[in-house]
């Protein structure tokens, strides 16, 4: 992000020796009639972190997001933002919300959209002008500021949508599926934008159906299922706590029976064998010797480590989009 001494963009947050909790969700419970949506969900987010909030359909994630935004009144528990209950006056002013559905006006220009959302947040005069100019530069659309947004691509609209949610320099930004329906180039641009906000101390919580985004782009991952937080940590911590640091092998072997070696599973779809090992130094040579002793010829082999997809399946027993 370009250096600026004006009020155009987010003000840098001074480094602190103490970790500031930007968001604290404590034993939150919410029911709709006889249906329980949240039953004791708890997690916290430290200032400056980027956290992915994941959960299969029906897990309670949407209810949790709406509760954090103040759009649902919870039955029990509490939600704090920078140490204050979200129900207190002015607390939600520190929150920026970017919904999955585009919340911009197609018959207005990008600049006009930003001006409207800025005024909704109480920004006026020269400050509004400066922030709109910053936002257009931030999203890479300075040359398209006077163009109607209905002429924009999906990725461009999504970037304007995000900019509308940060004009008031929120300390906490909540994004619901920020890259849905956009091309890979626009996804990269959006995460570059978020990187710049993180540098200025903004805390980001995002939901996504792209596990690769959560795995490679977030500091921590929170997984919700059946109304509870069932996992919370870095990718490495989640792997270690669930399936362990396994290596997954896919082997193409000629002239060997499918049940010749224990633990080696034949996949008829790919005509390959699959197994897992922990030590490449000790287990892999032993496996290769077993294949040779059974008369098999190794034609090809691929190895990859455990990832978030395997952790998610292990914890929930479901795909993210089921």
Protein backbone atom coordinates (compact mmCIF):
# COMPACT_ATOMS: atom_id res chain seq x y z
CA UNK A 1 0.00 0.00 0.00
CA UNK A 2 1.34 3.41 -0.86
CA UNK A 3 2.55 5.56 2.01
CA UNK A 4 0.17 8.42 2.75
CA UNK A 5 -0.05 10.94 5.53
CA UNK A 6 -3.67 11.86 4.78
CA UNK A 7 -6.80 10.26 6.17
CA UNK A 8 -7.36 8.59 2.82
CA UNK A 9 -6.56 5.05 3.86
CA UNK A 10 -6.20 3.05 7.05
CA UNK A 11 -3.93 4.51 9.68
CA UNK A 12 -0.98 2.27 10.60
CA UNK A 13 -1.37 0.48 13.90
CA UNK A 14 1.56 0.98 16.25
CA UNK A 15 3.32 -2.27 17.25
CA UNK A 16 2.42 -3.53 20.72
CA UNK A 17 4.09 -6.00 23.03
CA UNK A 18 0.62 -7.20 24.12
CA UNK A 19 -1.73 -9.15 21.88
CA UNK A 20 -5.00 -7.28 21.42
CA UNK A 21 -8.05 -9.50 20.98
CA UNK A 22 -10.03 -8.00 18.13
CA UNK A 23 -12.88 -10.53 18.28
CA UNK A 24 -13.97 -12.85 21.07
CA UNK A 25 -16.86 -15.28 20.61
CA UNK A 26 -17.68 -16.84 23.97
CA UNK A 27 -20.06 -19.80 24.38
CA UNK A 28 -22.54 -18.40 21.85
CA UNK A 29 -25.88 -20.21 21.63
CA UNK A 30 -28.69 -19.57 19.17
CA UNK A 31 -31.85 -21.51 18.36
CA UNK A 32 -34.67 -21.03 15.91
CA UNK A 33 -37.66 -22.65 17.56
CA UNK A 34 -36.69 -26.26 18.21
CA UNK A 35 -33.73 -26.12 15.85
CA UNK A 36 -30.37 -25.38 17.47
CA UNK A 37 -28.00 -23.49 15.19
CA UNK A 38 -25.23 -22.65 17.67
CA UNK A 39 -24.58 -24.57 20.88
CA UNK A 40 -21.59 -23.06 22.63
CA UNK A 41 -19.43 -21.74 19.79
CA UNK A 42 -16.23 -20.11 21.05
CA UNK A 43 -13.10 -18.69 19.43
CA UNK A 44 -11.05 -15.51 19.42
CA UNK A 45 -9.01 -13.55 16.89
CA UNK A 46 -5.94 -11.46 17.69
CA UNK A 47 -5.52 -8.08 16.04
CA UNK A 48 -3.68 -8.24 12.71
CA UNK A 49 -4.50 -11.88 12.04
CA UNK A 50 -6.28 -13.27 8.99
CA UNK A 51 -8.55 -16.12 10.04
CA UNK A 52 -10.59 -18.47 7.85
CA UNK A 53 -13.97 -19.53 9.22
CA UNK A 54 -14.96 -22.85 7.63
CA UNK A 55 -17.85 -25.25 7.97
CA UNK A 56 -19.99 -27.60 5.87
CA UNK A 57 -23.49 -26.52 4.89
CA UNK A 58 -25.79 -26.45 7.89
CA UNK A 59 -22.94 -26.33 10.39
CA UNK A 60 -23.98 -22.99 11.90
CA UNK A 61 -21.38 -20.84 10.18
CA UNK A 62 -23.88 -18.43 8.58
CA UNK A 63 -25.70 -17.98 11.89
CA UNK A 64 -22.38 -17.28 13.57
CA UNK A 65 -21.40 -14.68 10.96
CA UNK A 66 -24.77 -12.93 11.25
CA UNK A 67 -24.45 -12.91 15.03
CA UNK A 68 -21.00 -11.30 14.87
CA UNK A 69 -22.41 -8.60 12.56
CA UNK A 70 -25.18 -7.86 15.07
CA UNK A 71 -27.89 -8.94 12.66
CA UNK A 72 -29.02 -11.77 14.94
CA UNK A 73 -29.58 -11.55 18.68
CA UNK A 74 -27.93 -14.52 20.36
CA UNK A 75 -29.69 -16.49 23.10
CA UNK A 76 -26.67 -16.95 25.38
CA UNK A 77 -22.99 -16.16 25.53
CA UNK A 78 -21.35 -12.97 24.37
CA UNK A 79 -19.48 -11.50 21.43
CA UNK A 80 -16.82 -8.89 22.15
CA UNK A 81 -15.09 -6.62 19.68
CA UNK A 82 -11.87 -5.11 21.00
CA UNK A 83 -13.07 -5.98 24.49
CA UNK A 84 -16.52 -4.41 24.22
CA UNK A 85 -19.87 -6.17 23.71
CA UNK A 86 -21.14 -5.65 20.20
CA UNK A 87 -24.44 -4.36 21.59
CA UNK A 88 -22.80 -1.27 23.09
CA UNK A 89 -23.15 2.00 21.23
CA UNK A 90 -20.51 2.61 18.58
CA UNK A 91 -18.84 -0.81 18.82
CA UNK A 92 -20.07 -2.04 15.44
CA UNK A 93 -18.67 1.14 13.87
CA UNK A 94 -15.29 -0.58 14.12
CA UNK A 95 -16.55 -3.47 12.00
CA UNK A 96 -16.46 -3.67 8.22
CA UNK A 97 -18.77 -6.20 6.57
CA UNK A 98 -18.54 -7.39 2.97
CA UNK A 99 -21.40 -9.77 2.10
CA UNK A 100 -21.20 -12.53 -0.47
CA UNK A 101 -23.98 -10.89 -2.50
CA UNK A 102 -22.74 -7.82 -4.34
CA UNK A 103 -24.00 -4.73 -2.50
CA UNK A 104 -23.22 -2.09 -5.12
CA UNK A 105 -25.41 -0.17 -7.54
CA UNK A 106 -24.94 -1.05 -11.21
CA UNK A 107 -26.38 2.22 -12.48
CA UNK A 108 -23.84 4.25 -10.51
CA UNK A 109 -20.15 4.68 -11.17
CA UNK A 110 -17.53 3.11 -8.93
CA UNK A 111 -16.79 6.55 -7.47
CA UNK A 112 -20.47 7.21 -6.77
CA UNK A 113 -20.87 3.85 -5.06
CA UNK A 114 -17.92 4.60 -2.81
CA UNK A 115 -19.24 8.07 -2.02
CA UNK A 116 -22.62 6.65 -0.97
CA UNK A 117 -21.11 4.05 1.35
CA UNK A 118 -18.70 6.63 2.75
CA UNK A 119 -21.58 8.93 3.65
CA UNK A 120 -23.43 6.04 5.27
CA UNK A 121 -20.42 5.76 7.60
CA UNK A 122 -20.51 9.48 8.36
CA UNK A 123 -17.57 10.49 6.18
CA UNK A 124 -17.92 13.91 4.56
CA UNK A 125 -16.10 16.65 2.66
CA UNK A 126 -12.41 16.43 1.85
CA UNK A 127 -11.99 13.29 3.96
CA UNK A 128 -14.54 11.47 1.81
CA UNK A 129 -12.86 12.68 -1.37
CA UNK A 130 -9.47 11.47 -0.14
CA UNK A 131 -10.75 8.08 0.96
CA UNK A 132 -12.59 7.45 -2.29
CA UNK A 133 -9.42 8.30 -4.22
CA UNK A 134 -7.45 5.93 -1.98
CA UNK A 135 -10.02 3.15 -2.41
CA UNK A 136 -9.97 3.39 -6.22
CA UNK A 137 -6.19 3.23 -6.17
CA UNK A 138 -6.26 0.33 -3.68
CA UNK A 139 -8.53 -1.78 -5.85
CA UNK A 140 -6.65 -0.89 -9.05
CA UNK A 141 -9.55 0.99 -10.64
CA UNK A 142 -8.43 4.61 -10.61
CA UNK A 143 -8.86 4.77 -14.38
CA UNK A 144 -12.39 3.30 -14.16
CA UNK A 145 -13.75 5.38 -11.30
CA UNK A 146 -16.23 7.24 -13.51
CA UNK A 147 -17.51 4.10 -15.29
CA UNK A 148 -20.82 2.46 -14.41
CA UNK A 149 -20.22 -0.66 -12.32
CA UNK A 150 -22.70 -2.66 -14.39
CA UNK A 151 -20.06 -2.58 -17.15
CA UNK A 152 -17.45 -4.16 -14.84
CA UNK A 153 -16.34 -7.78 -14.77
CA UNK A 154 -17.27 -9.94 -11.79
CA UNK A 155 -13.83 -9.51 -10.27
CA UNK A 156 -13.94 -5.72 -10.63
CA UNK A 157 -17.37 -5.56 -9.01
CA UNK A 158 -16.13 -7.73 -6.16
CA UNK A 159 -13.18 -5.38 -5.54
CA UNK A 160 -15.45 -2.33 -5.46
CA UNK A 161 -17.73 -4.23 -3.06
CA UNK A 162 -14.79 -4.85 -0.72
CA UNK A 163 -13.67 -1.22 -0.94
CA UNK A 164 -17.15 -0.07 0.14
CA UNK A 165 -16.71 -2.11 3.32
CA UNK A 166 -13.39 -0.55 4.36
CA UNK A 167 -13.87 3.16 3.62
CA UNK A 168 -14.41 3.88 7.33
CA UNK A 169 -11.11 2.14 8.27
CA UNK A 170 -12.61 -0.67 10.38
CA UNK A 171 -10.39 -2.45 12.86
CA UNK A 172 -12.10 -5.75 12.06
CA UNK A 173 -13.16 -6.77 8.55
CA UNK A 174 -15.58 -9.65 8.03
CA UNK A 175 -15.80 -11.02 4.49
CA UNK A 176 -18.26 -13.66 3.35
CA UNK A 177 -16.88 -15.58 0.35
CA UNK A 178 -14.79 -12.64 -0.97
CA UNK A 179 -13.58 -14.49 -4.07
CA UNK A 180 -16.73 -16.32 -5.13
CA UNK A 181 -17.31 -16.23 -8.88
CA UNK A 182 -14.07 -14.46 -9.80
CA UNK A 183 -11.18 -15.54 -12.01
CA UNK A 184 -7.75 -16.55 -10.61
CA UNK A 185 -6.21 -13.17 -11.47
CA UNK A 186 -8.92 -11.32 -9.54
CA UNK A 187 -8.54 -13.74 -6.61
CA UNK A 188 -4.85 -12.87 -6.46
CA UNK A 189 -5.62 -9.16 -6.60
CA UNK A 190 -8.15 -9.44 -3.78
CA UNK A 191 -5.68 -11.20 -1.50
CA UNK A 192 -3.01 -8.65 -2.37
CA UNK A 193 -5.48 -6.01 -1.23
CA UNK A 194 -6.08 -7.87 2.03
CA UNK A 195 -2.32 -8.20 2.55
CA UNK A 196 -2.08 -4.42 2.49
CA UNK A 197 -4.83 -4.08 5.09
CA UNK A 198 -3.09 -6.62 7.32
CA UNK A 199 0.11 -4.55 7.13
CA UNK A 200 -1.84 -1.66 8.63
CA UNK A 201 -3.10 -3.79 11.51
CA UNK A 202 -6.58 -4.59 10.23
CA UNK A 203 -7.95 -7.91 11.46
CA UNK A 204 -9.61 -10.05 8.78
CA UNK A 205 -12.08 -12.90 9.27
CA UNK A 206 -13.27 -14.53 6.07
CA UNK A 207 -15.45 -17.43 5.05
CA UNK A 208 -14.55 -19.39 1.94
CA UNK A 209 -15.37 -22.56 0.04
CA UNK A 210 -11.86 -22.55 -1.41
CA UNK A 211 -9.80 -24.65 0.99
CA UNK A 212 -6.62 -23.68 -0.84
CA UNK A 213 -7.27 -20.04 0.12
CA UNK A 214 -7.70 -20.92 3.77
CA UNK A 215 -4.61 -23.14 3.71
CA UNK A 216 -2.20 -20.75 1.98
CA UNK A 217 -3.62 -17.31 2.77
CA UNK A 218 -4.72 -17.41 6.42
CA UNK A 219 -2.82 -17.38 9.70
CA UNK A 220 -5.37 -19.55 11.47
CA UNK A 221 -8.31 -21.75 10.59
CA UNK A 222 -11.50 -22.14 12.62
CA UNK A 223 -13.79 -25.05 11.68
CA UNK A 224 -17.44 -25.08 12.75
CA UNK A 225 -19.73 -28.11 12.72
CA UNK A 226 -23.02 -28.92 14.46
CA UNK A 227 -23.06 -25.46 16.00
CA UNK A 228 -19.68 -25.76 17.71
CA UNK A 229 -16.10 -24.84 16.96
CA UNK A 230 -14.48 -28.24 16.53
CA UNK A 231 -11.00 -27.10 15.50
CA UNK A 232 -8.98 -23.91 15.85
CA UNK A 233 -5.33 -23.41 14.97
CA UNK A 234 -2.71 -23.09 12.29
CA UNK A 235 -2.70 -25.61 9.47
CA UNK A 236 0.30 -27.37 11.01
CA UNK A 237 -1.43 -27.57 14.39
CA UNK A 238 -4.63 -28.97 12.88
CA UNK A 239 -2.73 -31.60 10.91
CA UNK A 240 -0.75 -32.68 13.97
CA UNK A 241 -3.86 -32.83 16.18
CA UNK A 242 -5.93 -34.85 13.70
CA UNK A 243 -4.30 -37.01 11.05
CA UNK A 244 -0.64 -36.47 11.83
CA UNK A 245 2.15 -35.58 9.44
CA UNK A 246 1.52 -38.32 6.90
CA UNK A 247 2.78 -38.49 3.34
CA UNK A 248 0.28 -39.68 0.77
CA UNK A 249 1.63 -41.87 -2.03
CA UNK A 250 0.08 -42.62 -5.40
CA UNK A 251 1.95 -45.35 -7.25
CA UNK A 252 1.58 -46.72 -10.77
CA UNK A 253 2.68 -50.36 -10.60
CA UNK A 254 2.75 -52.98 -13.34
CA UNK A 255 2.34 -56.75 -12.85
CA UNK A 256 1.22 -56.94 -9.24
CA UNK A 257 -1.93 -58.27 -7.57
CA UNK A 258 -4.02 -55.64 -5.78
CA UNK A 259 -3.86 -57.41 -2.38
CA UNK A 260 -0.18 -58.32 -2.48
CA UNK A 261 0.93 -55.78 0.16
CA UNK A 262 -0.95 -54.80 3.33
CA UNK A 263 -1.97 -51.14 3.37
CA UNK A 264 -1.60 -50.69 -0.39
CA UNK A 265 -5.04 -49.89 -1.79
CA UNK A 266 -5.88 -50.23 -5.46
CA UNK A 267 -7.88 -47.41 -7.07
CA UNK A 268 -9.66 -48.80 -10.13
CA UNK A 269 -10.57 -45.30 -11.36
CA UNK A 270 -6.99 -44.14 -11.72
CA UNK A 271 -5.50 -47.68 -12.06
CA UNK A 272 -3.02 -46.76 -9.34
CA UNK A 273 -2.22 -47.77 -5.78
CA UNK A 274 -2.54 -45.51 -2.73
CA UNK A 275 -1.05 -45.63 0.74
CA UNK A 276 0.31 -43.37 3.48
CA UNK A 277 3.68 -43.32 5.21
CA UNK A 278 5.27 -41.14 7.87
CA UNK A 279 8.97 -41.61 7.19
CA UNK A 280 10.33 -41.39 3.66
CA UNK A 281 13.72 -42.42 4.96
CA UNK A 282 12.62 -45.74 6.48
CA UNK A 283 9.17 -46.71 5.20
CA UNK A 284 9.56 -45.79 1.54
CA UNK A 285 12.60 -48.02 0.83
CA UNK A 286 10.84 -50.90 2.62
CA UNK A 287 7.71 -50.40 0.51
CA UNK A 288 9.69 -50.34 -2.73
CA UNK A 289 11.43 -53.59 -1.74
CA UNK A 290 8.07 -55.22 -1.04
CA UNK A 291 6.80 -54.18 -4.46
CA UNK A 292 9.88 -55.65 -6.12
CA UNK A 293 9.62 -58.87 -4.08
CA UNK A 294 6.02 -59.27 -5.30
CA UNK A 295 7.13 -58.98 -8.90
CA UNK A 296 5.74 -55.48 -9.34
CA UNK A 297 7.41 -52.84 -11.48
CA UNK A 298 7.13 -49.24 -10.28
CA UNK A 299 6.31 -47.08 -13.29
CA UNK A 300 5.56 -43.76 -11.56
CA UNK A 301 5.06 -42.29 -8.08
CA UNK A 302 3.61 -39.09 -6.64
CA UNK A 303 3.90 -38.01 -3.00
CA UNK A 304 2.20 -35.16 -1.16
CA UNK A 305 1.76 -34.19 2.47
CA UNK A 306 -1.48 -33.98 4.42
CA UNK A 307 -3.48 -30.85 3.67
CA UNK A 308 -6.53 -28.95 4.90
CA UNK A 309 -8.90 -30.95 2.72
CA UNK A 310 -7.92 -34.17 4.48
CA UNK A 311 -8.15 -32.49 7.90
CA UNK A 312 -11.62 -31.18 7.08
CA UNK A 313 -12.86 -34.59 5.94
CA UNK A 314 -11.36 -36.21 9.03
CA UNK A 315 -13.10 -33.76 11.39
CA UNK A 316 -16.51 -33.41 9.71
CA UNK A 317 -16.83 -36.51 7.53
CA UNK A 318 -18.15 -34.22 4.81
CA UNK A 319 -16.95 -32.14 1.90
CA UNK A 320 -17.10 -28.38 2.39
CA UNK A 321 -19.91 -27.96 -0.15
CA UNK A 322 -22.09 -30.95 0.76
